[in-house]
């Protein structure tokens, strides 16, 4: 039986650090590394604990072949040189010295590539010294492509080294799509006769289209398939002076099935997506021919039959999670997946109408993403048109749903907390601007910062003319200052190493101190 590769998560403990340092200090490994000085235990163990475990989703790994460790792989989040908007990590690998030349490195890279794809990394990046032919072949055999060369400056010595850059495009998925904005018309189309209702629904569609939303959504239900016959009335409606039994209210607000086709056709005419939320099997079957994606409302998260139908269509599904606990959400997600459902998005929702801003609980969004590995969004019932939607986008929401109406004073249960058309426009505009602000997922230097990075970031600068052979002393002839238009000195972390050294040549006032400027 062939031995198989498997992973072990490296831990910040002495035995693991000792093993990594030993492999790293192998003479051949050092010769081929960018940092070619051997490590010493006390300093390395602190560096190991401090710097090797910065990314919870990218722990360093030992690779095992059968019963022995054969390689160590370390990751670092970075900007892809090919496309900074792609989720990218840098990878470095140390093969256990006795395993070099046996194809272990290539095999390990292929194994870890699949794991990184599961972690949603789109580009995998590596740097190799030109003389390291073995590593070049290793990355090429693992599917990496040669991208370009770069000049890298060694932080501690000032030495400039040419490095070859390699990229593996683990995913060719399109760029992150814009946030999908749903204008929720709900039952706000209901004003009177069939024709008046139809005209109001079309007016809502026009308002949503004018606001720039991606979709407009209605609700389709029948009281007999939602509540028990003697359900009574919830308190929040009686507070709004609506005193009908909930079943009678639902009967009054029920959208005729024959209206659905007309509304879908009008949406197509205005180039806005038609959506509708079903509340029963019959509702779902009436809606399905006219929608590209489905929505299951919060209180329906336990409706097995709706989940079965949604999964069976293979269409995207938005699933609201208002008033649901984690076990109920997990059941719905697992059920949808087991039934072959595709493209599920979980919507954080607070099932209160209107919902206090303190009940939005938007911090759930990153947890949903991590827990379920799914896209997330917000179905928002708060009154403010901007705060929760914009904050949700900043936390990773890819879908925003918000109720809207033509006028808040119209009769009906959903108008009072819905946005006006003008507020809806403002929300859409704010979301689009918020999207622009998101940018990279890794901290880097944007090109707009380049000028002031050189002008204003501090270096070690001469504070008076320095003669050849003069001794450097902080506060006497050198200091940590912004260089302005003068030559920028090296990073202030080197100030202690420079102290007491002698200048190799004359250095003018203001000029930065660089490697090679001292004897």
Protein backbone atom coordinates (compact mmCIF):
# COMPACT_ATOMS: atom_id res chain seq x y z
CA UNK A 1 0.00 0.00 0.00
CA UNK A 2 1.38 3.42 -0.99
CA UNK A 3 2.08 5.85 1.83
CA UNK A 4 -0.09 8.97 1.84
CA UNK A 5 0.65 12.59 2.67
CA UNK A 6 -1.23 14.23 5.51
CA UNK A 7 -1.04 17.49 7.47
CA UNK A 8 -0.18 18.33 11.06
CA UNK A 9 -0.83 21.83 12.38
CA UNK A 10 2.37 23.24 13.84
CA UNK A 11 2.13 24.56 17.41
CA UNK A 12 4.15 27.28 19.15
CA UNK A 13 6.03 24.80 21.32
CA UNK A 14 9.73 24.10 21.78
CA UNK A 15 9.80 20.69 20.08
CA UNK A 16 8.20 22.04 16.91
CA UNK A 17 10.40 25.15 16.91
CA UNK A 18 13.55 23.02 17.39
CA UNK A 19 12.65 20.85 14.41
CA UNK A 20 11.93 23.83 12.14
CA UNK A 21 15.13 25.61 13.17
CA UNK A 22 17.18 22.49 12.54
CA UNK A 23 15.82 22.07 9.01
CA UNK A 24 16.15 25.80 8.34
CA UNK A 25 19.80 25.88 9.47
CA UNK A 26 20.78 23.07 7.11
CA UNK A 27 23.65 24.52 4.99
CA UNK A 28 21.95 23.86 1.64
CA UNK A 29 18.68 25.35 2.85
CA UNK A 30 20.48 28.46 4.13
CA UNK A 31 22.36 28.90 0.86
CA UNK A 32 19.09 28.93 -1.08
CA UNK A 33 17.17 31.17 1.35
CA UNK A 34 16.65 34.92 1.17
CA UNK A 35 17.57 35.09 4.88
CA UNK A 36 20.80 33.10 4.72
CA UNK A 37 22.11 33.57 8.26
CA UNK A 38 21.69 30.65 10.69
CA UNK A 39 19.18 31.10 13.48
CA UNK A 40 20.05 30.85 17.17
CA UNK A 41 17.69 29.21 19.61
CA UNK A 42 16.69 31.98 22.05
CA UNK A 43 16.02 34.55 19.35
CA UNK A 44 14.43 32.02 16.99
CA UNK A 45 12.00 30.60 19.54
CA UNK A 46 10.69 34.10 20.29
CA UNK A 47 10.43 34.85 16.54
CA UNK A 48 8.71 31.49 16.00
CA UNK A 49 6.04 32.18 18.62
CA UNK A 50 5.60 35.80 17.55
CA UNK A 51 5.66 35.66 13.74
CA UNK A 52 4.71 32.16 12.59
CA UNK A 53 1.12 32.10 13.90
CA UNK A 54 -0.30 35.44 12.73
CA UNK A 55 -3.14 34.07 10.55
CA UNK A 56 -5.71 31.80 12.23
CA UNK A 57 -6.90 30.40 8.89
CA UNK A 58 -3.32 29.76 7.74
CA UNK A 59 -1.48 27.89 10.49
CA UNK A 60 1.99 26.58 9.59
CA UNK A 61 1.94 22.89 8.70
CA UNK A 62 4.15 19.85 8.95
CA UNK A 63 3.62 17.47 6.05
CA UNK A 64 3.83 13.79 6.92
CA UNK A 65 4.55 10.98 4.51
CA UNK A 66 3.46 7.80 6.20
CA UNK A 67 5.01 7.84 9.67
CA UNK A 68 7.50 10.72 9.33
CA UNK A 69 7.52 14.46 8.90
CA UNK A 70 9.02 15.35 5.52
CA UNK A 71 8.36 19.09 5.07
CA UNK A 72 7.38 22.31 6.80
CA UNK A 73 5.16 24.91 5.10
CA UNK A 74 4.61 28.45 6.28
CA UNK A 75 2.02 30.93 4.96
CA UNK A 76 1.68 34.70 4.97
CA UNK A 77 -1.25 36.77 3.74
CA UNK A 78 -0.07 39.10 0.99
CA UNK A 79 -1.16 41.14 -2.01
CA UNK A 80 -1.03 39.23 -5.25
CA UNK A 81 1.34 40.99 -7.68
CA UNK A 82 -0.88 39.74 -10.51
CA UNK A 83 -4.12 41.15 -9.05
CA UNK A 84 -4.20 42.83 -5.61
CA UNK A 85 -7.95 42.26 -5.34
CA UNK A 86 -7.54 38.49 -5.31
CA UNK A 87 -7.29 36.70 -1.97
CA UNK A 88 -3.65 35.67 -1.90
CA UNK A 89 -1.11 34.06 0.41
CA UNK A 90 2.63 33.61 0.14
CA UNK A 91 3.94 30.11 0.68
CA UNK A 92 7.41 28.95 1.70
CA UNK A 93 8.49 25.37 2.13
CA UNK A 94 11.41 23.62 3.82
CA UNK A 95 11.92 19.99 2.84
CA UNK A 96 13.54 17.78 5.47
CA UNK A 97 17.18 17.53 4.25
CA UNK A 98 17.21 13.75 3.73
CA UNK A 99 14.09 14.00 1.54
CA UNK A 100 15.48 16.46 -1.01
CA UNK A 101 15.49 15.31 -4.62
CA UNK A 102 12.67 12.77 -4.10
CA UNK A 103 9.75 14.87 -5.35
CA UNK A 104 8.51 15.48 -1.82
CA UNK A 105 8.32 19.28 -2.21
CA UNK A 106 6.22 19.10 -5.38
CA UNK A 107 3.87 16.54 -3.84
CA UNK A 108 3.44 18.63 -0.70
CA UNK A 109 2.65 21.76 -2.70
CA UNK A 110 0.01 19.91 -4.70
CA UNK A 111 -1.56 18.58 -1.50
CA UNK A 112 -1.65 21.95 0.23
CA UNK A 113 -3.02 23.67 -2.90
CA UNK A 114 -6.36 21.90 -2.48
CA UNK A 115 -6.53 22.89 1.18
CA UNK A 116 -5.88 26.55 0.30
CA UNK A 117 -8.62 26.45 -2.33
CA UNK A 118 -11.02 25.26 0.38
CA UNK A 119 -9.88 28.27 2.42
CA UNK A 120 -11.02 30.47 -0.53
CA UNK A 121 -7.49 31.56 -1.52
CA UNK A 122 -7.42 32.44 -5.19
CA UNK A 123 -3.71 33.10 -5.76
CA UNK A 124 -0.73 31.38 -4.12
CA UNK A 125 2.55 33.27 -4.35
CA UNK A 126 6.19 32.28 -3.89
CA UNK A 127 9.63 33.89 -4.23
CA UNK A 128 12.77 31.95 -5.23
CA UNK A 129 16.42 32.96 -5.57
CA UNK A 130 17.71 32.60 -9.18
CA UNK A 131 20.38 30.08 -8.14
CA UNK A 132 17.80 27.87 -6.43
CA UNK A 133 17.09 25.69 -9.47
CA UNK A 134 15.59 22.86 -7.42
CA UNK A 135 12.88 25.11 -5.96
CA UNK A 136 12.11 26.61 -9.36
CA UNK A 137 11.46 23.14 -10.75
CA UNK A 138 9.48 22.20 -7.64
CA UNK A 139 7.06 25.13 -8.00
CA UNK A 140 6.72 24.67 -11.77
CA UNK A 141 5.91 20.95 -11.37
CA UNK A 142 3.29 21.87 -8.75
CA UNK A 143 1.50 24.09 -11.28
CA UNK A 144 2.98 27.49 -10.43
CA UNK A 145 3.75 29.84 -13.31
CA UNK A 146 6.73 32.18 -13.49
CA UNK A 147 5.36 35.68 -13.08
CA UNK A 148 8.27 38.16 -13.07
CA UNK A 149 11.43 39.13 -11.21
CA UNK A 150 11.61 41.60 -8.33
CA UNK A 151 14.34 43.36 -6.41
CA UNK A 152 14.09 42.71 -2.67
CA UNK A 153 16.16 44.59 -0.04
CA UNK A 154 17.32 42.57 2.95
CA UNK A 155 15.96 44.40 5.99
CA UNK A 156 19.01 43.80 8.21
CA UNK A 157 21.90 44.13 5.77
CA UNK A 158 20.63 46.43 3.05
CA UNK A 159 21.68 43.86 0.46
CA UNK A 160 19.54 43.93 -2.68
CA UNK A 161 18.66 40.52 -4.06
CA UNK A 162 16.88 39.58 -7.28
CA UNK A 163 14.08 37.09 -6.66
CA UNK A 164 11.96 35.11 -9.12
CA UNK A 165 8.23 35.33 -8.49
CA UNK A 166 5.83 32.43 -8.99
CA UNK A 167 2.02 32.43 -8.87
CA UNK A 168 -0.46 29.58 -8.79
CA UNK A 169 -3.94 30.71 -9.75
CA UNK A 170 -5.84 28.33 -7.50
CA UNK A 171 -9.17 29.81 -8.55
CA UNK A 172 -10.24 31.50 -11.76
CA UNK A 173 -13.48 32.74 -10.21
CA UNK A 174 -14.62 36.20 -11.29
CA UNK A 175 -13.82 39.25 -9.22
CA UNK A 176 -15.93 39.81 -6.13
CA UNK A 177 -19.39 40.72 -7.48
CA UNK A 178 -21.16 43.88 -6.32
CA UNK A 179 -23.40 43.67 -3.27
CA UNK A 180 -26.79 42.38 -4.38
CA UNK A 181 -29.45 44.86 -3.20
CA UNK A 182 -33.04 43.69 -2.80
CA UNK A 183 -35.86 46.20 -2.46
CA UNK A 184 -38.45 44.37 -0.37
CA UNK A 185 -41.96 45.44 -1.43
CA UNK A 186 -43.52 42.83 0.84
CA UNK A 187 -47.23 43.47 1.05
CA UNK A 188 -46.98 47.19 0.34
CA UNK A 189 -48.55 46.70 -3.09
CA UNK A 190 -52.02 46.09 -1.54
CA UNK A 191 -54.31 49.12 -1.86
CA UNK A 192 -57.71 47.94 -3.13
CA UNK A 193 -58.98 46.22 -6.29
CA UNK A 194 -56.91 43.89 -8.47
CA UNK A 195 -56.16 46.65 -10.99
CA UNK A 196 -55.22 49.19 -8.32
CA UNK A 197 -53.02 46.58 -6.63
CA UNK A 198 -51.35 45.79 -9.94
CA UNK A 199 -50.68 49.46 -10.63
CA UNK A 200 -49.28 49.97 -7.11
CA UNK A 201 -47.02 46.93 -7.50
CA UNK A 202 -45.74 48.29 -10.80
CA UNK A 203 -45.13 51.69 -9.21
CA UNK A 204 -43.05 49.96 -6.53
CA UNK A 205 -41.09 48.17 -9.22
CA UNK A 206 -40.40 51.48 -10.98
CA UNK A 207 -39.24 53.06 -7.71
CA UNK A 208 -36.89 50.15 -7.01
CA UNK A 209 -35.50 50.31 -10.54
CA UNK A 210 -35.01 54.08 -10.32
CA UNK A 211 -33.16 53.64 -7.02
CA UNK A 212 -30.69 51.25 -8.67
CA UNK A 213 -31.50 48.09 -6.73
CA UNK A 214 -30.72 44.71 -8.27
CA UNK A 215 -34.05 43.10 -7.45
CA UNK A 216 -37.51 43.88 -6.16
CA UNK A 217 -39.21 41.27 -4.02
CA UNK A 218 -42.82 40.55 -3.08
CA UNK A 219 -44.36 38.06 -0.64
CA UNK A 220 -46.81 35.39 -1.73
CA UNK A 221 -48.86 33.52 0.90
CA UNK A 222 -52.26 32.18 1.91
CA UNK A 223 -53.39 32.28 5.54
CA UNK A 224 -54.55 28.66 5.57
CA UNK A 225 -51.02 27.43 4.80
CA UNK A 226 -49.26 29.76 7.25
CA UNK A 227 -51.08 29.96 10.61
CA UNK A 228 -53.43 27.71 12.50
CA UNK A 229 -57.02 28.81 12.19
CA UNK A 230 -57.27 30.37 15.67
CA UNK A 231 -53.84 32.03 15.79
CA UNK A 232 -55.04 35.39 17.14
CA UNK A 233 -52.97 38.56 16.73
CA UNK A 234 -49.35 39.50 17.62
CA UNK A 235 -48.85 42.43 19.97
CA UNK A 236 -46.69 44.45 17.56
CA UNK A 237 -49.66 44.78 15.16
CA UNK A 238 -52.15 45.77 17.83
CA UNK A 239 -49.68 48.50 18.89
CA UNK A 240 -49.93 49.74 15.28
CA UNK A 241 -53.75 49.80 15.68
CA UNK A 242 -54.23 46.77 13.41
CA UNK A 243 -56.75 44.62 15.24
CA UNK A 244 -57.83 42.03 12.68
CA UNK A 245 -57.08 38.38 13.35
CA UNK A 246 -53.76 37.47 11.72
CA UNK A 247 -55.47 35.02 9.35
CA UNK A 248 -57.87 37.69 8.10
CA UNK A 249 -54.98 40.09 7.66
CA UNK A 250 -53.07 37.50 5.62
CA UNK A 251 -56.15 36.81 3.51
CA UNK A 252 -56.44 40.50 2.73
CA UNK A 253 -52.75 40.81 1.80
CA UNK A 254 -52.54 37.60 -0.26
CA UNK A 255 -51.16 38.22 -3.73
CA UNK A 256 -53.22 36.56 -6.48
CA UNK A 257 -51.11 34.02 -8.35
CA UNK A 258 -52.26 35.47 -11.66
CA UNK A 259 -50.53 38.76 -10.77
CA UNK A 260 -47.08 37.12 -10.55
CA UNK A 261 -46.53 36.72 -14.29
CA UNK A 262 -47.48 40.35 -14.98
CA UNK A 263 -45.07 41.63 -12.34
CA UNK A 264 -42.24 39.42 -13.54
CA UNK A 265 -42.76 40.64 -17.12
CA UNK A 266 -42.76 44.27 -15.97
CA UNK A 267 -39.51 43.69 -14.04
CA UNK A 268 -37.94 42.23 -17.17
CA UNK A 269 -39.05 45.29 -19.11
CA UNK A 270 -37.33 47.58 -16.56
CA UNK A 271 -34.27 45.27 -16.32
CA UNK A 272 -34.64 44.62 -12.60
CA UNK A 273 -34.79 41.09 -11.19
CA UNK A 274 -38.16 39.85 -9.96
CA UNK A 275 -38.20 37.95 -6.66
CA UNK A 276 -40.93 36.62 -4.41
CA UNK A 277 -40.95 34.83 -1.07
CA UNK A 278 -43.21 31.75 -0.88
CA UNK A 279 -44.76 30.47 2.33
CA UNK A 280 -46.15 27.13 1.16
CA UNK A 281 -45.58 24.44 -1.44
CA UNK A 282 -48.33 25.91 -3.64
CA UNK A 283 -46.82 29.39 -3.33
CA UNK A 284 -43.40 28.06 -4.26
CA UNK A 285 -44.70 26.28 -7.36
CA UNK A 286 -46.53 29.45 -8.47
CA UNK A 287 -43.38 31.55 -8.09
CA UNK A 288 -40.64 29.21 -9.32
CA UNK A 289 -41.13 29.64 -13.11
CA UNK A 290 -40.61 33.40 -12.80
CA UNK A 291 -37.58 33.76 -10.48
CA UNK A 292 -33.84 33.25 -10.90
CA UNK A 293 -33.32 32.73 -7.17
CA UNK A 294 -35.42 31.95 -4.13
CA UNK A 295 -35.83 33.49 -0.70
CA UNK A 296 -37.00 31.66 2.41
CA UNK A 297 -38.22 33.96 5.17
CA UNK A 298 -36.99 33.80 8.77
CA UNK A 299 -40.01 32.08 10.26
CA UNK A 300 -39.88 29.46 7.49
CA UNK A 301 -36.33 28.27 8.33
CA UNK A 302 -37.85 25.07 9.71
CA UNK A 303 -40.18 24.50 6.72
CA UNK A 304 -38.71 21.25 5.42
CA UNK A 305 -40.85 21.20 2.29
CA UNK A 306 -39.74 24.68 1.18
CA UNK A 307 -36.09 23.74 1.72
CA UNK A 308 -36.60 20.54 -0.28
CA UNK A 309 -38.17 22.47 -3.16
CA UNK A 310 -35.51 25.18 -3.14
CA UNK A 311 -32.69 22.63 -3.18
CA UNK A 312 -34.35 20.74 -6.02
CA UNK A 313 -34.42 23.78 -8.32
CA UNK A 314 -30.59 24.21 -8.14
CA UNK A 315 -31.25 27.97 -8.05
CA UNK A 316 -29.49 30.28 -5.56
CA UNK A 317 -31.25 30.63 -2.22
CA UNK A 318 -31.29 33.48 0.31
CA UNK A 319 -32.15 32.10 3.75
CA UNK A 320 -33.11 34.55 6.49
CA UNK A 321 -32.22 33.63 10.07
CA UNK A 322 -34.36 35.96 12.21
CA UNK A 323 -35.54 34.47 15.51
CA UNK A 324 -33.50 31.31 14.85
CA UNK A 325 -30.89 29.70 17.09
CA UNK A 326 -27.66 28.15 15.84
CA UNK A 327 -28.98 24.57 15.88
CA UNK A 328 -31.94 25.53 13.69
CA UNK A 329 -29.70 27.34 11.22
CA UNK A 330 -27.26 24.42 11.10
CA UNK A 331 -30.13 22.02 10.44
CA UNK A 332 -31.45 24.14 7.56
CA UNK A 333 -28.00 24.55 5.99
CA UNK A 334 -27.17 20.86 6.31
CA UNK A 335 -30.57 19.82 4.97
CA UNK A 336 -30.26 22.12 1.94
CA UNK A 337 -26.76 20.79 1.20
CA UNK A 338 -27.70 17.13 1.63
CA UNK A 339 -30.56 17.62 -0.81
CA UNK A 340 -28.11 18.90 -3.44
CA UNK A 341 -28.87 22.60 -3.04
CA UNK A 342 -26.44 25.09 -4.57
CA UNK A 343 -25.39 28.68 -3.86
CA UNK A 344 -26.81 29.35 -0.40
CA UNK A 345 -26.53 32.79 1.25
CA UNK A 346 -27.36 33.27 4.93
CA UNK A 347 -29.03 36.54 5.86
CA UNK A 348 -28.70 37.95 9.35
CA UNK A 349 -32.10 39.25 10.31
CA UNK A 350 -33.83 40.55 13.43
CA UNK A 351 -37.46 39.52 13.25
CA UNK A 352 -38.94 42.66 14.79
CA UNK A 353 -40.84 45.37 12.90
CA UNK A 354 -39.24 47.87 13.24
CA UNK A 355 -36.08 46.50 14.86
CA UNK A 356 -34.03 48.64 17.27
CA UNK A 357 -30.56 49.40 15.91
CA UNK A 358 -29.12 47.67 18.99
CA UNK A 359 -30.77 44.43 17.88
CA UNK A 360 -29.06 44.29 14.45
CA UNK A 361 -26.19 42.13 15.80
CA UNK A 362 -24.07 42.57 12.69
CA UNK A 363 -21.07 40.87 14.30
CA UNK A 364 -22.90 37.63 13.50
CA UNK A 365 -21.92 38.11 9.84
CA UNK A 366 -18.20 37.24 10.16
CA UNK A 367 -19.15 34.34 12.43
CA UNK A 368 -21.61 33.01 9.83
CA UNK A 369 -18.87 33.20 7.17
CA UNK A 370 -16.40 31.34 9.34
CA UNK A 371 -18.89 28.82 10.73
CA UNK A 372 -20.64 27.86 7.50
CA UNK A 373 -18.17 28.92 4.78
CA UNK A 374 -21.05 30.64 2.98
CA UNK A 375 -21.78 34.11 1.61
CA UNK A 376 -23.72 36.25 4.06
CA UNK A 377 -26.06 39.21 3.92
CA UNK A 378 -28.48 41.33 5.90
CA UNK A 379 -32.25 41.51 5.83
CA UNK A 380 -32.68 44.76 7.71
CA UNK A 381 -35.72 45.98 9.61
CA UNK A 382 -34.14 48.94 11.40
CA UNK A 383 -35.50 52.38 10.60
CA UNK A 384 -32.27 54.09 9.53
CA UNK A 385 -31.65 53.73 5.77
CA UNK A 386 -27.84 53.70 6.01
CA UNK A 387 -26.29 52.59 9.31
CA UNK A 388 -26.94 48.85 9.34
CA UNK A 389 -26.65 48.26 5.56
CA UNK A 390 -23.31 50.11 5.25
CA UNK A 391 -21.92 48.49 8.40
CA UNK A 392 -23.00 45.07 7.12
CA UNK A 393 -21.16 45.63 3.83
CA UNK A 394 -18.04 46.53 5.82
CA UNK A 395 -18.39 43.23 7.71
CA UNK A 396 -18.61 41.18 4.52
CA UNK A 397 -22.27 41.17 3.50
CA UNK A 398 -22.82 40.37 -0.17
CA UNK A 399 -26.62 40.82 -0.02
CA UNK A 400 -28.67 43.66 1.51
CA UNK A 401 -32.46 43.49 1.71
CA UNK A 402 -34.57 46.42 2.93
CA UNK A 403 -38.32 47.09 2.97
CA UNK A 404 -39.54 50.09 1.00
CA UNK A 405 -42.82 51.85 0.24
CA UNK A 406 -44.12 54.77 -1.76
CA UNK A 407 -45.36 56.48 1.41
CA UNK A 408 -45.01 55.61 5.09
CA UNK A 409 -48.58 56.66 5.92
CA UNK A 410 -50.32 54.22 3.59
CA UNK A 411 -52.56 51.65 5.35
CA UNK A 412 -50.98 48.28 6.05
CA UNK A 413 -48.54 46.68 8.51
CA UNK A 414 -45.25 47.16 6.62
CA UNK A 415 -45.25 50.81 5.52
CA UNK A 416 -44.24 52.45 8.79
CA UNK A 417 -40.74 50.91 8.96
CA UNK A 418 -40.10 50.86 5.19
CA UNK A 419 -37.87 53.28 3.29
CA UNK A 420 -39.27 55.94 1.00
CA UNK A 421 -38.04 55.90 -2.62
CA UNK A 422 -35.63 58.76 -1.84
CA UNK A 423 -34.24 56.92 1.19
CA UNK A 424 -33.85 53.79 -0.94
CA UNK A 425 -31.77 55.77 -3.46
CA UNK A 426 -29.56 57.08 -0.68
CA UNK A 427 -29.07 53.55 0.67
CA UNK A 428 -28.05 52.18 -2.72
CA UNK A 429 -25.60 55.05 -3.26
CA UNK A 430 -24.10 54.60 0.21
CA UNK A 431 -23.64 50.85 -0.31
CA UNK A 432 -21.90 51.39 -3.65
CA UNK A 433 -19.51 53.91 -2.06
CA UNK A 434 -18.92 51.57 0.88
CA UNK A 435 -17.98 48.80 -1.56
CA UNK A 436 -15.36 51.04 -3.13
CA UNK A 437 -13.80 51.63 0.29
CA UNK A 438 -13.28 47.92 1.04
CA UNK A 439 -10.29 47.36 -1.23
CA UNK A 440 -7.65 44.81 -0.32
CA UNK A 441 -7.94 42.09 2.30
CA UNK A 442 -4.28 42.53 3.29
CA UNK A 443 -2.64 45.72 4.52
CA UNK A 444 -0.31 47.23 1.94
CA UNK A 445 0.83 50.57 0.56
CA UNK A 446 -1.56 52.02 -2.00
CA UNK A 447 -0.04 53.92 -4.90
CA UNK A 448 -1.75 57.10 -3.68
CA UNK A 449 0.44 56.87 -0.54
CA UNK A 450 3.76 56.55 -2.38
CA UNK A 451 4.74 60.23 -2.38
CA UNK A 452 4.12 60.88 1.32
CA UNK A 453 5.55 57.50 2.31
CA UNK A 454 8.90 58.75 0.98
CA UNK A 455 8.41 62.34 2.18
CA UNK A 456 6.98 61.82 5.68
CA UNK A 457 7.79 58.32 7.01
CA UNK A 458 10.70 58.58 9.41
CA UNK A 459 14.22 57.38 8.81
CA UNK A 460 17.63 57.93 10.35
CA UNK A 461 18.71 61.35 9.06
CA UNK A 462 21.78 63.60 9.44
CA UNK A 463 20.90 66.63 11.59
CA UNK A 464 24.12 68.45 10.64
CA UNK A 465 26.90 67.91 8.07
CA UNK A 466 28.90 64.80 9.01
CA UNK A 467 32.60 64.49 8.14
CA UNK A 468 34.26 61.31 6.93
CA UNK A 469 35.38 59.28 9.96
CA UNK A 470 33.05 61.14 12.35
CA UNK A 471 31.27 58.95 14.89
CA UNK A 472 27.49 58.66 14.67
CA UNK A 473 25.60 59.69 17.81
CA UNK A 474 21.84 59.96 18.15
CA UNK A 475 20.80 63.51 18.97
CA UNK A 476 24.25 64.87 18.08
CA UNK A 477 24.62 64.31 14.35
CA UNK A 478 21.84 61.81 13.52
CA UNK A 479 18.21 61.47 14.62
CA UNK A 480 14.91 59.84 13.74
CA UNK A 481 13.18 62.37 11.49
CA UNK A 482 10.97 62.74 8.45
CA UNK A 483 13.19 63.19 5.38
CA UNK A 484 11.00 65.46 3.27
CA UNK A 485 12.67 65.79 -0.13
CA UNK A 486 16.06 64.64 1.18
CA UNK A 487 17.37 61.11 0.76
CA UNK A 488 15.44 58.83 3.10
CA UNK A 489 17.48 56.93 5.67
CA UNK A 490 17.08 53.35 6.81
CA UNK A 491 14.41 52.28 9.27
CA UNK A 492 14.78 53.64 12.83
CA UNK A 493 15.02 50.09 14.20
CA UNK A 494 18.69 50.17 13.13
CA UNK A 495 19.57 53.20 15.27
CA UNK A 496 21.29 51.12 17.97
CA UNK A 497 23.43 49.32 15.37
CA UNK A 498 24.59 52.63 13.90
CA UNK A 499 25.38 54.30 17.22
CA UNK A 500 29.15 54.65 17.64
CA UNK A 501 30.01 53.70 14.05
CA UNK A 502 32.21 55.99 11.92
CA UNK A 503 31.01 57.63 8.72
CA UNK A 504 32.60 56.24 5.54
CA UNK A 505 32.42 59.61 3.79
CA UNK A 506 30.95 63.09 4.07
CA UNK A 507 27.19 63.15 4.57
CA UNK A 508 25.35 66.43 4.00
CA UNK A 509 22.77 67.94 6.36
CA UNK A 510 19.37 66.23 6.10
CA UNK A 511 20.60 63.22 4.12
CA UNK A 512 19.45 59.77 5.22
CA UNK A 513 21.90 57.25 6.66
CA UNK A 514 21.91 54.03 4.63
CA UNK A 515 23.67 50.71 4.70
CA UNK A 516 27.26 51.21 3.61
CA UNK A 517 27.49 54.72 5.06
CA UNK A 518 29.55 53.57 8.05
CA UNK A 519 32.89 51.77 8.42
